[in-house]
PDB file of N, CA and C in Angstrom:
ATOM      1  N   MET A   1     108.351  62.504  96.140  1.00  0.00           N
ATOM      2  CA  MET A   1     108.997  63.299  97.641  1.00  0.00           C
ATOM      3  C   MET A   1     108.688  64.350  97.445  1.00  0.00           C
ATOM      4  N   ASN A   2     107.690  64.835  97.834  1.00  0.00           N
ATOM      5  CA  ASN A   2     107.157  65.324  99.025  1.00  0.00           C
ATOM      6  C   ASN A   2     107.527  67.408  98.871  1.00  0.00           C
ATOM      7  N   GLU A   3     107.227  68.865  98.790  1.00  0.00           N
ATOM      8  CA  GLU A   3     108.136  69.166  98.943  1.00  0.00           C
ATOM      9  C   GLU A   3     108.761  69.621 100.858  1.00  0.00           C
ATOM     10  N   ALA A   4     107.407  69.310 101.782  1.00  0.00           N
ATOM     11  CA  ALA A   4     107.682  69.054 103.003  1.00  0.00           C
ATOM     12  C   ALA A   4     109.024  67.818 103.361  1.00  0.00           C
ATOM     13  N   SER A   5     108.981  66.851 102.589  1.00  0.00           N
ATOM     14  CA  SER A   5     110.867  66.667 103.671  1.00  0.00           C
ATOM     15  C   SER A   5     111.438  66.411 102.313  1.00  0.00           C
ATOM     16  N   THR A   6     111.229  67.689 101.341  1.00  0.00           N
ATOM     17  CA  THR A   6     112.877  67.328 100.923  1.00  0.00           C
ATOM     18  C   THR A   6     114.160  69.151 102.407  1.00  0.00           C
ATOM     19  N   PRO A   7     114.969  68.613 102.629  1.00  0.00           N
ATOM     20  CA  PRO A   7     115.217  69.193 103.689  1.00  0.00           C
ATOM     21  C   PRO A   7     116.052  71.641 103.308  1.00  0.00           C
ATOM     22  N   MET A   8     116.532  71.717 103.744  1.00  0.00           N
ATOM     23  CA  MET A   8     115.820  73.057 103.541  1.00  0.00           C
ATOM     24  C   MET A   8     117.637  72.674 103.060  1.00  0.00           C
ATOM     25  N   GLU A   9     117.681  74.147 102.279  1.00  0.00           N
ATOM     26  CA  GLU A   9     119.131  74.223 101.569  1.00  0.00           C
ATOM     27  C   GLU A   9     119.512  75.033 102.565  1.00  0.00           C
ATOM     28  N   GLY A  10     121.177  75.691 102.361  1.00  0.00           N
ATOM     29  CA  GLY A  10     121.814  76.411 103.130  1.00  0.00           C
ATOM     30  C   GLY A  10     122.816  76.629 104.011  1.00  0.00           C
ATOM     31  N   ALA A  11     122.657  77.570 105.915  1.00  0.00           N
ATOM     32  CA  ALA A  11     123.588  76.860 106.101  1.00  0.00           C
ATOM     33  C   ALA A  11     123.882  75.923 107.216  1.00  0.00           C
ATOM     34  N   PRO A  12     124.211  74.608 107.414  1.00  0.00           N
ATOM     35  CA  PRO A  12     124.099  74.317 107.724  1.00  0.00           C
ATOM     36  C   PRO A  12     123.668  74.197 109.606  1.00  0.00           C
ATOM     37  N   LEU A  13     123.204  73.629 110.548  1.00  0.00           N
ATOM     38  CA  LEU A  13     122.414  73.106 111.416  1.00  0.00           C
ATOM     39  C   LEU A  13     123.714  73.478 112.553  1.00  0.00           C
ATOM     40  N   ILE A  14     124.913  73.266 112.195  1.00  0.00           N
ATOM     41  CA  ILE A  14     126.017  73.638 114.000  1.00  0.00           C
ATOM     42  C   ILE A  14     126.575  73.723 112.686  1.00  0.00           C
ATOM     43  N   ALA A  15     127.017  75.448 112.823  1.00  0.00           N
ATOM     44  CA  ALA A  15     128.610  75.744 112.317  1.00  0.00           C
ATOM     45  C   ALA A  15     129.064  75.846 112.353  1.00  0.00           C
ATOM     46  N   PRO A  16     130.166  75.289 111.472  1.00  0.00           N
ATOM     47  CA  PRO A  16     131.739  75.104 112.008  1.00  0.00           C
ATOM     48  C   PRO A  16     132.669  75.367 112.309  1.00  0.00           C
ATOM     49  N   SER A  17     133.347  74.321 113.491  1.00  0.00           N
ATOM     50  CA  SER A  17     134.602  75.002 114.561  1.00  0.00           C
ATOM     51  C   SER A  17     135.936  75.386 113.634  1.00  0.00           C
ATOM     52  N   SER A  18     136.679  76.433 114.235  1.00  0.00           N
ATOM     53  CA  SER A  18     138.205  76.812 113.675  1.00  0.00           C
ATOM     54  C   SER A  18     138.738  75.623 113.866  1.00  0.00           C
ATOM     55  N   THR A  19     139.121  74.072 113.850  1.00  0.00           N
ATOM     56  CA  THR A  19     139.550  73.492 114.013  1.00  0.00           C
ATOM     57  C   THR A  19     141.707  73.468 113.336  1.00  0.00           C
ATOM     58  N   ASP A  20     141.676  74.529 112.450  1.00  0.00           N
ATOM     59  CA  ASP A  20     142.392  74.506 112.009  1.00  0.00           C
ATOM     60  C   ASP A  20     143.317  75.144 112.889  1.00  0.00           C
ATOM     61  N   HIS A  21     142.578  76.076 113.673  1.00  0.00           N
ATOM     62  CA  HIS A  21     143.435  76.736 114.428  1.00  0.00           C
ATOM     63  C   HIS A  21     143.793  76.818 115.512  1.00  0.00           C
ATOM     64  N   PRO A  22     145.521  77.482 115.404  1.00  0.00           N
ATOM     65  CA  PRO A  22     146.875  76.615 116.415  1.00  0.00           C
ATOM     66  C   PRO A  22     145.813  76.707 118.044  1.00  0.00           C
ATOM     67  N   LEU A  23     144.615  77.759 118.541  1.00  0.00           N
ATOM     68  CA  LEU A  23     143.886  77.910 120.030  1.00  0.00           C
ATOM     69  C   LEU A  23     143.172  76.968 120.483  1.00  0.00           C
ATOM     70  N   TYR A  24     142.493  75.912 119.091  1.00  0.00           N
ATOM     71  CA  TYR A  24     141.446  75.417 118.548  1.00  0.00           C
ATOM     72  C   TYR A  24     141.328  74.034 119.673  1.00  0.00           C
ATOM     73  N   GLU A  25     142.670  73.289 119.547  1.00  0.00           N
ATOM     74  CA  GLU A  25     142.664  72.431 121.246  1.00  0.00           C
ATOM     75  C   GLU A  25     142.561  72.889 122.294  1.00  0.00           C
ATOM     76  N   ASP A  26     143.543  73.915 122.388  1.00  0.00           N
ATOM     77  CA  ASP A  26     143.452  74.273 123.722  1.00  0.00           C
ATOM     78  C   ASP A  26     142.126  75.214 124.661  1.00  0.00           C
ATOM     79  N   ILE A  27     141.883  75.220 123.848  1.00  0.00           N
ATOM     80  CA  ILE A  27     139.766  75.457 123.590  1.00  0.00           C
ATOM     81  C   ILE A  27     138.518  74.070 124.341  1.00  0.00           C
ATOM     82  N   VAL A  28     139.564  73.162 123.012  1.00  0.00           N
ATOM     83  CA  VAL A  28     138.869  71.746 123.410  1.00  0.00           C
ATOM     84  C   VAL A  28     138.513  71.773 125.137  1.00  0.00           C
ATOM     85  N   ASN A  29     140.641  71.580 125.423  1.00  0.00           N
ATOM     86  CA  ASN A  29     140.942  70.638 126.798  1.00  0.00           C
ATOM     87  C   ASN A  29     139.697  72.223 127.250  1.00  0.00           C
ATOM     88  N   ALA A  30     140.101  72.941 127.322  1.00  0.00           N
ATOM     89  CA  ALA A  30     139.289  74.428 128.951  1.00  0.00           C
ATOM     90  C   ALA A  30     137.807  73.365 129.221  1.00  0.00           C
ATOM     91  N   CYS A  31     137.705  73.676 127.806  1.00  0.00           N
ATOM     92  CA  CYS A  31     135.530  73.261 127.193  1.00  0.00           C
ATOM     93  C   CYS A  31     135.475  71.875 128.357  1.00  0.00           C
ATOM     94  N   ARG A  32     136.847  71.362 128.389  1.00  0.00           N
ATOM     95  CA  ARG A  32     136.406  69.571 129.161  1.00  0.00           C
ATOM     96  C   ARG A  32     136.969  69.625 130.602  1.00  0.00           C
ATOM     97  N   SER A  33     137.022  70.700 130.583  1.00  0.00           N
ATOM     98  CA  SER A  33     137.268  71.000 132.499  1.00  0.00           C
ATOM     99  C   SER A  33     135.982  71.461 132.735  1.00  0.00           C
ATOM    100  N   VAL A  34     134.890  71.870 132.195  1.00  0.00           N
ATOM    101  CA  VAL A  34     133.789  71.946 132.338  1.00  0.00           C
ATOM    102  C   VAL A  34     132.837  70.578 132.961  1.00  0.00           C
ATOM    103  N   TYR A  35     131.234  71.281 133.623  1.00  0.00           N
ATOM    104  CA  TYR A  35     131.047  70.003 133.492  1.00  0.00           C
ATOM    105  C   TYR A  35     129.675  70.084 133.838  1.00  0.00           C
ATOM    106  N   ASP A  36     128.689  69.105 133.568  1.00  0.00           N
ATOM    107  CA  ASP A  36     126.693  69.289 133.720  1.00  0.00           C
ATOM    108  C   ASP A  36     126.786  68.926 135.419  1.00  0.00           C
ATOM    109  N   PRO A  37     126.315  69.662 136.035  1.00  0.00           N
ATOM    110  CA  PRO A  37     126.388  68.887 137.588  1.00  0.00           C
ATOM    111  C   PRO A  37     125.563  67.777 137.615  1.00  0.00           C
ATOM    112  N   GLU A  38     125.004  67.394 136.352  1.00  0.00           N
ATOM    113  CA  GLU A  38     123.865  66.043 136.536  1.00  0.00           C
ATOM    114  C   GLU A  38     124.234  65.151 136.356  1.00  0.00           C
ATOM    115  N   ILE A  39     125.532  65.528 135.885  1.00  0.00           N
ATOM    116  CA  ILE A  39     126.238  64.401 134.509  1.00  0.00           C
ATOM    117  C   ILE A  39     127.735  64.362 134.873  1.00  0.00           C
ATOM    118  N   PRO A  40     128.419  63.126 135.847  1.00  0.00           N
ATOM    119  CA  PRO A  40     129.568  63.263 135.560  1.00  0.00           C
ATOM    120  C   PRO A  40     130.654  62.908 134.427  1.00  0.00           C
ATOM    121  N   VAL A  41     130.418  63.842 132.960  1.00  0.00           N
ATOM    122  CA  VAL A  41     131.027  63.628 131.820  1.00  0.00           C
ATOM    123  C   VAL A  41     131.408  65.459 130.977  1.00  0.00           C
ATOM    124  N   ASN A  42     132.179  65.358 130.617  1.00  0.00           N
ATOM    125  CA  ASN A  42     132.573  67.139 130.662  1.00  0.00           C
ATOM    126  C   ASN A  42     132.111  67.005 129.568  1.00  0.00           C
ATOM    127  N   ILE A  43     130.892  68.591 129.527  1.00  0.00           N
ATOM    128  CA  ILE A  43     129.921  69.145 128.594  1.00  0.00           C
ATOM    129  C   ILE A  43     130.460  68.973 127.003  1.00  0.00           C
ATOM    130  N   TYR A  44     132.133  68.959 126.735  1.00  0.00           N
ATOM    131  CA  TYR A  44     132.437  68.867 124.984  1.00  0.00           C
ATOM    132  C   TYR A  44     132.454  67.397 124.464  1.00  0.00           C
ATOM    133  N   ASP A  45     132.519  66.048 125.520  1.00  0.00           N
ATOM    134  CA  ASP A  45     132.814  65.297 125.176  1.00  0.00           C
ATOM    135  C   ASP A  45     130.693  65.015 125.540  1.00  0.00           C
ATOM    136  N   LEU A  46     130.113  65.571 125.724  1.00  0.00           N
ATOM    137  CA  LEU A  46     128.571  65.041 126.026  1.00  0.00           C
ATOM    138  C   LEU A  46     127.999  65.654 124.386  1.00  0.00           C
ATOM    139  N   GLY A  47     129.075  66.580 124.172  1.00  0.00           N
ATOM    140  CA  GLY A  47     128.640  66.894 122.906  1.00  0.00           C
ATOM    141  C   GLY A  47     127.701  68.847 123.006  1.00  0.00           C
ATOM    142  N   LEU A  48     127.976  69.252 124.186  1.00  0.00           N
ATOM    143  CA  LEU A  48     126.805  70.580 124.457  1.00  0.00           C
ATOM    144  C   LEU A  48     127.730  71.484 123.880  1.00  0.00           C
ATOM    145  N   ILE A  49     129.067  71.158 123.235  1.00  0.00           N
ATOM    146  CA  ILE A  49     129.517  71.779 122.650  1.00  0.00           C
ATOM    147  C   ILE A  49     129.544  72.087 121.024  1.00  0.00           C
ATOM    148  N   TYR A  50     128.660  73.224 120.730  1.00  0.00           N
ATOM    149  CA  TYR A  50     128.477  72.528 119.184  1.00  0.00           C
ATOM    150  C   TYR A  50     129.339  73.390 118.031  1.00  0.00           C
ATOM    151  N   THR A  51     129.620  74.727 118.364  1.00  0.00           N
ATOM    152  CA  THR A  51     131.037  75.491 117.153  1.00  0.00           C
ATOM    153  C   THR A  51     131.952  76.217 118.160  1.00  0.00           C
ATOM    154  N   ILE A  52     133.228  76.110 118.195  1.00  0.00           N
ATOM    155  CA  ILE A  52     134.342  76.671 118.713  1.00  0.00           C
ATOM    156  C   ILE A  52     134.898  77.498 117.832  1.00  0.00           C
ATOM    157  N   ALA A  53     134.507  79.284 117.037  1.00  0.00           N
ATOM    158  CA  ALA A  53     134.929  79.227 116.164  1.00  0.00           C
ATOM    159  C   ALA A  53     136.375  80.533 116.799  1.00  0.00           C
ATOM    160  N   VAL A  54     137.478  80.412 115.623  1.00  0.00           N
ATOM    161  CA  VAL A  54     138.561  81.516 116.710  1.00  0.00           C
ATOM    162  C   VAL A  54     138.630  82.170 115.131  1.00  0.00           C
ATOM    163  N   ALA A  55     138.435  84.360 115.636  1.00  0.00           N
ATOM    164  CA  ALA A  55     138.661  84.790 114.493  1.00  0.00           C
ATOM    165  C   ALA A  55     140.486  85.561 114.170  1.00  0.00           C
ATOM    166  N   GLU A  56     140.357  85.611 113.931  1.00  0.00           N
ATOM    167  CA  GLU A  56     141.698  86.284 113.188  1.00  0.00           C
ATOM    168  C   GLU A  56     142.650  86.675 114.259  1.00  0.00           C
ATOM    169  N   ASP A  57     142.332  88.037 115.101  1.00  0.00           N
ATOM    170  CA  ASP A  57     142.694  88.129 115.792  1.00  0.00           C
ATOM    171  C   ASP A  57     142.073  87.612 117.148  1.00  0.00           C
ATOM    172  N   ASN A  58     141.585  86.473 117.070  1.00  0.00           N
ATOM    173  CA  ASN A  58     142.368  85.566 118.625  1.00  0.00           C
ATOM    174  C   ASN A  58     140.541  85.829 119.221  1.00  0.00           C
ATOM    175  N   ALA A  59     139.864  86.319 119.093  1.00  0.00           N
ATOM    176  CA  ALA A  59     138.697  86.438 119.632  1.00  0.00           C
ATOM    177  C   ALA A  59     137.505  85.399 119.335  1.00  0.00           C
ATOM    178  N   VAL A  60     136.892  84.274 120.273  1.00  0.00           N
ATOM    179  CA  VAL A  60     136.597  83.244 120.357  1.00  0.00           C
ATOM    180  C   VAL A  60     134.762  83.543 120.715  1.00  0.00           C
ATOM    181  N   ASN A  61     134.834  82.826 120.008  1.00  0.00           N
ATOM    182  CA  ASN A  61     133.210  82.629 120.312  1.00  0.00           C
ATOM    183  C   ASN A  61     132.437  80.736 119.535  1.00  0.00           C
ATOM    184  N   ILE A  62     131.521  80.637 121.223  1.00  0.00           N
ATOM    185  CA  ILE A  62     131.298  79.085 120.976  1.00  0.00           C
ATOM    186  C   ILE A  62     129.767  78.683 121.213  1.00  0.00           C
ATOM    187  N   ILE A  63     129.410  78.341 120.633  1.00  0.00           N
ATOM    188  CA  ILE A  63     127.525  78.091 120.226  1.00  0.00           C
ATOM    189  C   ILE A  63     127.457  77.026 121.425  1.00  0.00           C
ATOM    190  N   MET A  64     127.247  76.629 122.295  1.00  0.00           N
ATOM    191  CA  MET A  64     126.365  75.529 123.008  1.00  0.00           C
ATOM    192  C   MET A  64     124.764  75.506 123.241  1.00  0.00           C
ATOM    193  N   THR A  65     124.828  74.386 123.995  1.00  0.00           N
ATOM    194  CA  THR A  65     123.450  73.702 123.992  1.00  0.00           C
ATOM    195  C   THR A  65     123.737  73.144 125.601  1.00  0.00           C
ATOM    196  N   LEU A  66     122.231  72.986 125.755  1.00  0.00           N
ATOM    197  CA  LEU A  66     122.380  72.113 127.221  1.00  0.00           C
ATOM    198  C   LEU A  66     121.027  71.201 127.464  1.00  0.00           C
ATOM    199  N   THR A  67     121.360  69.939 127.815  1.00  0.00           N
ATOM    200  CA  THR A  67     121.010  68.830 126.965  1.00  0.00           C
ATOM    201  C   THR A  67     119.097  68.660 127.514  1.00  0.00           C
ATOM    202  N   ALA A  68     118.539  69.891 128.434  1.00  0.00           N
ATOM    203  CA  ALA A  68     117.748  69.733 128.201  1.00  0.00           C
ATOM    204  C   ALA A  68     117.423  71.630 128.985  1.00  0.00           C
ATOM    205  N   PRO A  69     116.361  72.522 127.981  1.00  0.00           N
ATOM    206  CA  PRO A  69     116.277  74.071 128.141  1.00  0.00           C
ATOM    207  C   PRO A  69     115.743  74.110 129.306  1.00  0.00           C
ATOM    208  N   GLY A  70     115.164  73.143 129.978  1.00  0.00           N
ATOM    209  CA  GLY A  70     115.087  73.514 131.633  1.00  0.00           C
ATOM    210  C   GLY A  70     116.228  73.333 132.749  1.00  0.00           C
ATOM    211  N   CYS A  71     117.509  72.784 132.144  1.00  0.00           N
ATOM    212  CA  CYS A  71     119.012  72.781 133.477  1.00  0.00           C
ATOM    213  C   CYS A  71     118.934  74.063 134.115  1.00  0.00           C
ATOM    214  N   PRO A  72     118.837  72.803 135.311  1.00  0.00           N
ATOM    215  CA  PRO A  72     119.104  74.285 136.196  1.00  0.00           C
ATOM    216  C   PRO A  72     120.287  75.229 136.699  1.00  0.00           C
ATOM    217  N   VAL A  73     120.728  75.286 135.516  1.00  0.00           N
ATOM    218  CA  VAL A  73     121.834  75.596 135.474  1.00  0.00           C
ATOM    219  C   VAL A  73     122.252  76.814 134.165  1.00  0.00           C
ATOM    220  N   ALA A  74     120.740  76.433 133.565  1.00  0.00           N
ATOM    221  CA  ALA A  74     121.082  77.769 131.915  1.00  0.00           C
ATOM    222  C   ALA A  74     121.919  78.229 132.129  1.00  0.00           C
ATOM    223  N   GLY A  75     121.900  79.098 133.273  1.00  0.00           N
ATOM    224  CA  GLY A  75     122.514  80.769 133.126  1.00  0.00           C
ATOM    225  C   GLY A  75     123.435  80.635 133.385  1.00  0.00           C
ATOM    226  N   GLU A  76     123.524  80.034 134.227  1.00  0.00           N
ATOM    227  CA  GLU A  76     125.403  79.742 134.602  1.00  0.00           C
ATOM    228  C   GLU A  76     126.765  79.366 133.720  1.00  0.00           C
ATOM    229  N   MET A  77     125.824  78.199 133.241  1.00  0.00           N
ATOM    230  CA  MET A  77     126.996  77.758 132.251  1.00  0.00           C
ATOM    231  C   MET A  77     127.793  78.081 131.304  1.00  0.00           C
ATOM    232  N   PRO A  78     126.847  78.889 130.310  1.00  0.00           N
ATOM    233  CA  PRO A  78     128.018  80.117 129.313  1.00  0.00           C
ATOM    234  C   PRO A  78     129.080  81.048 130.424  1.00  0.00           C
ATOM    235  N   GLY A  79     128.805  80.946 131.660  1.00  0.00           N
ATOM    236  CA  GLY A  79     129.639  81.815 132.061  1.00  0.00           C
ATOM    237  C   GLY A  79     131.060  81.044 133.002  1.00  0.00           C
ATOM    238  N   TRP A  80     130.447  79.457 132.721  1.00  0.00           N
ATOM    239  CA  TRP A  80     132.111  78.662 132.960  1.00  0.00           C
ATOM    240  C   TRP A  80     132.863  78.439 132.467  1.00  0.00           C
ATOM    241  N   VAL A  81     131.515  78.473 130.745  1.00  0.00           N
ATOM    242  CA  VAL A  81     132.444  78.095 129.902  1.00  0.00           C
ATOM    243  C   VAL A  81     133.900  79.049 129.519  1.00  0.00           C
ATOM    244  N   ALA A  82     133.388  80.106 129.678  1.00  0.00           N
ATOM    245  CA  ALA A  82     134.231  81.272 128.754  1.00  0.00           C
ATOM    246  C   ALA A  82     135.148  81.496 130.483  1.00  0.00           C
ATOM    247  N   ASP A  83     135.458  81.276 131.446  1.00  0.00           N
ATOM    248  CA  ASP A  83     135.760  81.505 132.640  1.00  0.00           C
ATOM    249  C   ASP A  83     137.476  80.848 132.289  1.00  0.00           C
ATOM    250  N   ALA A  84     136.708  79.113 131.885  1.00  0.00           N
ATOM    251  CA  ALA A  84     137.385  78.238 132.207  1.00  0.00           C
ATOM    252  C   ALA A  84     138.557  78.594 130.036  1.00  0.00           C
ATOM    253  N   VAL A  85     137.601  78.859 129.715  1.00  0.00           N
ATOM    254  CA  VAL A  85     138.346  79.372 127.898  1.00  0.00           C
ATOM    255  C   VAL A  85     139.345  80.543 128.428  1.00  0.00           C
ATOM    256  N   GLU A  86     139.088  82.084 128.735  1.00  0.00           N
ATOM    257  CA  GLU A  86     139.102  83.681 128.963  1.00  0.00           C
ATOM    258  C   GLU A  86     140.721  83.312 129.310  1.00  0.00           C
ATOM    259  N   PRO A  87     141.328  82.245 130.292  1.00  0.00           N
ATOM    260  CA  PRO A  87     142.356  82.614 130.542  1.00  0.00           C
ATOM    261  C   PRO A  87     144.226  82.169 129.560  1.00  0.00           C
ATOM    262  N   LEU A  88     143.137  81.135 128.802  1.00  0.00           N
ATOM    263  CA  LEU A  88     143.974  80.872 128.001  1.00  0.00           C
ATOM    264  C   LEU A  88     145.266  81.520 126.996  1.00  0.00           C
ATOM    265  N   PRO A  89     146.533  81.044 127.191  1.00  0.00           N
ATOM    266  CA  PRO A  89     147.167  82.692 126.917  1.00  0.00           C
ATOM    267  C   PRO A  89     146.584  82.799 124.632  1.00  0.00           C
ATOM    268  N   GLY A  90     146.474  83.794 124.577  1.00  0.00           N
ATOM    269  CA  GLY A  90     146.343  83.956 123.273  1.00  0.00           C
ATOM    270  C   GLY A  90     145.178  84.208 122.654  1.00  0.00           C
ATOM    271  N   VAL A  91     143.790  83.612 123.863  1.00  0.00           N
ATOM    272  CA  VAL A  91     142.357  84.055 124.124  1.00  0.00           C
ATOM    273  C   VAL A  91     142.090  85.717 123.985  1.00  0.00           C
ATOM    274  N   LYS A  92     141.609  86.354 123.433  1.00  0.00           N
ATOM    275  CA  LYS A  92     141.624  87.520 122.933  1.00  0.00           C
ATOM    276  C   LYS A  92     140.341  88.205 123.979  1.00  0.00           C
ATOM    277  N   GLN A  93     139.355  87.216 123.636  1.00  0.00           N
ATOM    278  CA  GLN A  93     137.715  87.476 124.136  1.00  0.00           C
ATOM    279  C   GLN A  93     136.863  86.169 123.702  1.00  0.00           C
ATOM    280  N   VAL A  94     136.173  85.799 124.805  1.00  0.00           N
ATOM    281  CA  VAL A  94     135.129  84.984 124.479  1.00  0.00           C
ATOM    282  C   VAL A  94     133.912  85.534 124.543  1.00  0.00           C
ATOM    283  N   ASP A  95     132.874  84.586 123.545  1.00  0.00           N
ATOM    284  CA  ASP A  95     131.395  84.671 124.197  1.00  0.00           C
ATOM    285  C   ASP A  95     130.686  83.721 124.101  1.00  0.00           C
ATOM    286  N   VAL A  96     130.335  83.291 124.658  1.00  0.00           N
ATOM    287  CA  VAL A  96     129.408  81.848 124.022  1.00  0.00           C
ATOM    288  C   VAL A  96     128.176  82.850 124.825  1.00  0.00           C
ATOM    289  N   GLU A  97     127.642  81.766 123.457  1.00  0.00           N
ATOM    290  CA  GLU A  97     126.140  81.797 123.467  1.00  0.00           C
ATOM    291  C   GLU A  97     125.063  80.920 123.126  1.00  0.00           C
ATOM    292  N   MET A  98     124.281  80.555 123.331  1.00  0.00           N
ATOM    293  CA  MET A  98     123.615  79.302 124.101  1.00  0.00           C
ATOM    294  C   MET A  98     122.526  79.421 122.582  1.00  0.00           C
ATOM    295  N   THR A  99     122.323  78.065 122.477  1.00  0.00           N
ATOM    296  CA  THR A  99     121.407  77.996 120.961  1.00  0.00           C
ATOM    297  C   THR A  99     120.451  76.422 121.965  1.00  0.00           C
ATOM    298  N   PHE A 100     119.232  76.424 121.120  1.00  0.00           N
ATOM    299  CA  PHE A 100     118.456  74.696 121.404  1.00  0.00           C
ATOM    300  C   PHE A 100     118.115  74.641 119.601  1.00  0.00           C
ATOM    301  N   GLU A 101     119.081  74.580 118.820  1.00  0.00           N
ATOM    302  CA  GLU A 101     119.186  74.106 117.616  1.00  0.00           C
ATOM    303  C   GLU A 101     119.967  74.023 116.925  1.00  0.00           C
ATOM    304  N   PRO A 102     120.020  72.601 116.653  1.00  0.00           N
ATOM    305  CA  PRO A 102     119.169  71.741 116.761  1.00  0.00           C
ATOM    306  C   PRO A 102     119.391  71.580 118.524  1.00  0.00           C
ATOM    307  N   GLN A 103     118.248  70.582 118.591  1.00  0.00           N
ATOM    308  CA  GLN A 103     117.901  69.908 120.033  1.00  0.00           C
ATOM    309  C   GLN A 103     119.103  68.322 120.405  1.00  0.00           C
ATOM    310  N   TRP A 104     119.710  69.073 121.526  1.00  0.00           N
ATOM    311  CA  TRP A 104     121.362  68.019 122.074  1.00  0.00           C
ATOM    312  C   TRP A 104     120.395  66.449 122.257  1.00  0.00           C
ATOM    313  N   GLY A 105     121.160  65.889 121.376  1.00  0.00           N
ATOM    314  CA  GLY A 105     120.115  64.064 121.135  1.00  0.00           C
ATOM    315  C   GLY A 105     121.517  63.296 122.433  1.00  0.00           C
ATOM    316  N   MET A 106     121.171  61.992 122.320  1.00  0.00           N
ATOM    317  CA  MET A 106     122.347  61.418 123.447  1.00  0.00           C
ATOM    318  C   MET A 106     123.683  61.376 121.702  1.00  0.00           C
ATOM    319  N   ASP A 107     122.877  61.262 120.360  1.00  0.00           N
ATOM    320  CA  ASP A 107     124.204  60.404 119.486  1.00  0.00           C
ATOM    321  C   ASP A 107     124.704  61.983 119.636  1.00  0.00           C
ATOM    322  N   MET A 108     124.858  62.992 120.058  1.00  0.00           N
ATOM    323  CA  MET A 108     126.031  63.921 120.070  1.00  0.00           C
ATOM    324  C   MET A 108     126.461  63.566 121.218  1.00  0.00           C
ATOM    325  N   MET A 109     126.599  62.533 121.669  1.00  0.00           N
ATOM    326  CA  MET A 109     127.684  62.729 123.116  1.00  0.00           C
ATOM    327  C   MET A 109     129.317  61.482 122.169  1.00  0.00           C
ATOM    328  N   SER A 110     130.136  61.660 122.937  1.00  0.00           N
ATOM    329  CA  SER A 110     131.533  60.892 121.974  1.00  0.00           C
ATOM    330  C   SER A 110     131.240  59.777 123.540  1.00  0.00           C
ATOM    331  N   ASP A 111     132.445  58.489 122.514  1.00  0.00           N
ATOM    332  CA  ASP A 111     132.466  57.318 122.800  1.00  0.00           C
ATOM    333  C   ASP A 111     132.742  57.728 124.193  1.00  0.00           C
ATOM    334  N   GLU A 112     133.528  58.200 124.962  1.00  0.00           N
ATOM    335  CA  GLU A 112     133.955  57.704 126.745  1.00  0.00           C
ATOM    336  C   GLU A 112     132.927  58.343 126.623  1.00  0.00           C
ATOM    337  N   ALA A 113     131.898  59.239 126.704  1.00  0.00           N
ATOM    338  CA  ALA A 113     130.616  59.804 127.597  1.00  0.00           C
ATOM    339  C   ALA A 113     129.961  58.882 127.638  1.00  0.00           C
ATOM    340  N   ARG A 114     129.399  58.264 126.333  1.00  0.00           N
ATOM    341  CA  ARG A 114     128.935  56.825 126.209  1.00  0.00           C
ATOM    342  C   ARG A 114     129.184  55.563 127.224  1.00  0.00           C
ATOM    343  N   LEU A 115     130.304  55.797 127.204  1.00  0.00           N
ATOM    344  CA  LEU A 115     130.561  53.882 128.315  1.00  0.00           C
ATOM    345  C   LEU A 115     130.893  54.975 129.420  1.00  0.00           C
ATOM    346  N   GLU A 116     131.395  55.827 129.620  1.00  0.00           N
ATOM    347  CA  GLU A 116     131.503  56.545 130.964  1.00  0.00           C
ATOM    348  C   GLU A 116     130.175  56.142 132.038  1.00  0.00           C
ATOM    349  N   LEU A 117     128.552  56.373 130.975  1.00  0.00           N
ATOM    350  CA  LEU A 117     127.863  56.406 131.709  1.00  0.00           C
ATOM    351  C   LEU A 117     126.642  56.006 130.688  1.00  0.00           C
ATOM    352  N   GLY A 118     127.445  54.671 131.023  1.00  0.00           N
ATOM    353  CA  GLY A 118     126.571  53.033 130.994  1.00  0.00           C
ATOM    354  C   GLY A 118     125.934  52.628 129.261  1.00  0.00           C
ATOM    355  N   PHE A 119     126.135  53.236 128.337  1.00  0.00           N
ATOM    356  CA  PHE A 119     125.478  53.555 127.781  1.00  0.00           C
ATOM    357  C   PHE A 119     125.927  53.035 126.048  1.00  0.00           C
ATOM    358  N   MET A 120     127.420  51.736 126.379  1.00  0.00           N
ATOM    359  CA  MET A 120     128.235  51.673 125.569  1.00  0.00           C
ATOM    360  C   MET A 120     128.681  49.879 126.450  1.00  0.00           C
TER     361      MET A 120
END
């Protein structure tokens, strides 16, 4: 095994979410209300939401991606996500960060999304 094929040690490509936080499920459901205009599946089930991190003061940081960097709504999508999550009771503030690392792939979709799009 040569040096190039050894995976890098350190931080995971996708940061962990605050799945045990009481607001987590509400935030996930709010993300499910946002749709990519070109695909009839919500962005959460598409796998576009990489991380939902909730701080002790209930500030929410969401890291997301798009199906493609040239997506026509790239500039608007983070605002749609913030607008969906911010009104939730208990949420202090929402920051939505866009990333293309790792690049999105169809394997990130939920089974429901694959079924909806005819991939299963």
